[in-house]
Protein backbone atom coordinates (compact mmCIF):
# COMPACT_ATOMS: atom_id res chain seq x y z
CA MET A 1 90.28 137.82 115.26
CA ALA A 2 89.53 134.10 115.01
CA THR A 3 91.92 131.98 112.97
CA ARG A 4 90.52 129.85 110.18
CA LYS A 5 91.12 126.14 110.26
CA LYS A 6 92.98 124.66 107.34
CA TRP A 7 90.87 122.49 105.06
CA SER A 8 93.09 119.50 105.86
CA GLN A 9 92.29 119.86 109.56
CA GLU A 10 88.60 120.03 108.68
CA VAL A 11 88.92 116.80 106.65
CA THR A 12 90.73 115.04 109.48
CA GLU A 13 88.11 116.06 112.06
CA HIS A 14 84.92 115.66 110.08
CA SER A 15 85.42 113.28 107.18
CA ASP A 16 84.41 109.64 107.08
CA ALA A 17 88.08 108.67 107.21
CA LEU A 18 88.82 107.67 110.81
CA ASP A 19 88.48 108.67 114.43
CA LEU A 20 92.17 109.13 115.29
CA GLU A 21 93.92 108.98 118.65
CA GLY A 22 95.45 112.29 119.65
CA SER A 23 98.99 113.04 118.38
CA VAL A 24 99.18 109.76 116.48
CA PHE A 25 101.60 111.24 113.92
CA LYS A 26 103.90 112.63 116.59
CA HIS A 27 105.14 109.24 117.81
CA ASP A 28 108.86 108.61 117.23
CA ASP A 29 108.39 104.88 116.71
CA PRO A 30 106.90 103.86 113.35
CA LYS A 31 105.45 100.72 115.00
CA ALA A 32 103.58 102.96 117.48
CA VAL A 33 102.14 105.05 114.63
CA ALA A 34 101.06 101.91 112.76
CA ALA A 35 99.58 100.33 115.90
CA SER A 36 97.58 103.47 116.71
CA LEU A 37 96.27 103.75 113.13
CA LYS A 38 95.33 100.08 113.17
CA ARG A 39 93.41 100.45 116.44
CA SER A 40 91.64 103.54 115.16
CA ALA A 41 90.74 101.91 111.84
CA GLU A 42 89.39 98.77 113.50
CA HIS A 43 87.28 100.69 116.00
CA SER A 44 86.13 103.66 113.91
CA LYS A 45 82.50 103.92 112.96
CA ARG A 46 83.32 106.63 110.38
CA ARG A 47 85.36 104.69 107.85
CA LYS A 48 84.12 103.73 104.41
CA GLY A 49 86.70 101.20 103.24
CA SER A 50 88.46 98.31 104.95
CA PRO A 51 90.42 99.06 108.13
CA PHE A 52 93.69 98.69 106.20
CA GLN A 53 92.55 101.04 103.41
CA SER A 54 91.39 103.65 105.89
CA ALA A 55 94.57 103.52 108.00
CA MET A 56 96.89 103.69 105.00
CA SER A 57 94.81 106.44 103.44
CA MET A 58 95.02 108.58 106.56
CA LEU A 59 98.77 108.07 106.87
CA THR A 60 99.33 108.99 103.22
CA PHE A 61 96.99 111.96 103.56
CA TYR A 62 98.99 113.27 106.51
CA ILE A 63 102.36 112.83 104.77
CA ASN A 64 101.08 114.54 101.62
CA ARG A 65 99.47 117.44 103.48
CA ALA A 66 102.53 118.05 105.64
CA GLY A 67 104.59 118.38 102.45
CA LYS A 68 107.70 120.49 102.70
CA GLY A 69 107.02 121.23 106.36
CA LEU A 70 107.99 117.66 107.25
CA SER A 71 111.65 117.14 108.10
CA ALA A 72 113.50 114.40 106.25
CA ALA A 73 113.83 112.38 109.47
CA ARG A 74 110.12 112.72 110.27
CA ARG A 75 109.10 111.79 106.71
CA LYS A 76 111.39 108.74 106.91
CA LYS A 77 109.72 107.60 110.16
CA LEU A 78 106.25 108.05 108.69
CA GLU A 79 107.24 106.19 105.53
CA ARG A 80 108.49 103.35 107.75
CA ALA A 81 105.11 103.45 109.50
CA LYS A 82 103.59 102.43 106.13
CA THR A 83 105.72 99.28 106.16
CA GLU A 84 104.74 98.59 109.77
CA LEU A 85 101.09 99.10 108.90
CA ARG A 86 101.33 96.56 106.10
CA LYS A 87 102.91 94.12 108.53
CA ALA A 88 100.24 94.76 111.15
CA PHE A 89 97.51 93.95 108.63
CA HIS A 90 99.50 91.04 107.10
CA ARG A 91 99.69 92.72 103.69
CA GLU A 92 102.36 92.31 101.05
CA PRO A 93 104.56 95.30 100.18
CA PRO A 94 103.69 96.96 96.86
CA ARG A 95 105.28 95.29 93.87
CA ARG A 96 107.92 97.12 91.92
CA PRO A 97 107.53 97.15 88.15
CA ALA A 98 109.86 94.84 86.24
CA SER A 99 112.66 96.60 84.39
């Protein structure tokens, strides 16, 4: 009996998001994850938005889809990858609302 692919895998493989390097989200170093996403975003022919938007979108998509299956340590590394991605694209961190 053939197993069905999850819809999130289908999106990753066939959407206009990005052409990703293999195992990009498995890296232990947040800088390596960010660098890989940056390379993919800059070279992808399938993205719709800017390279930064596409890279950040794919990282956020992965974190959200992994959900509870992501260990706290892994989630922390991927969240740090967001910061590294902003640095790689020379973007400011998001502003916090004034209290």
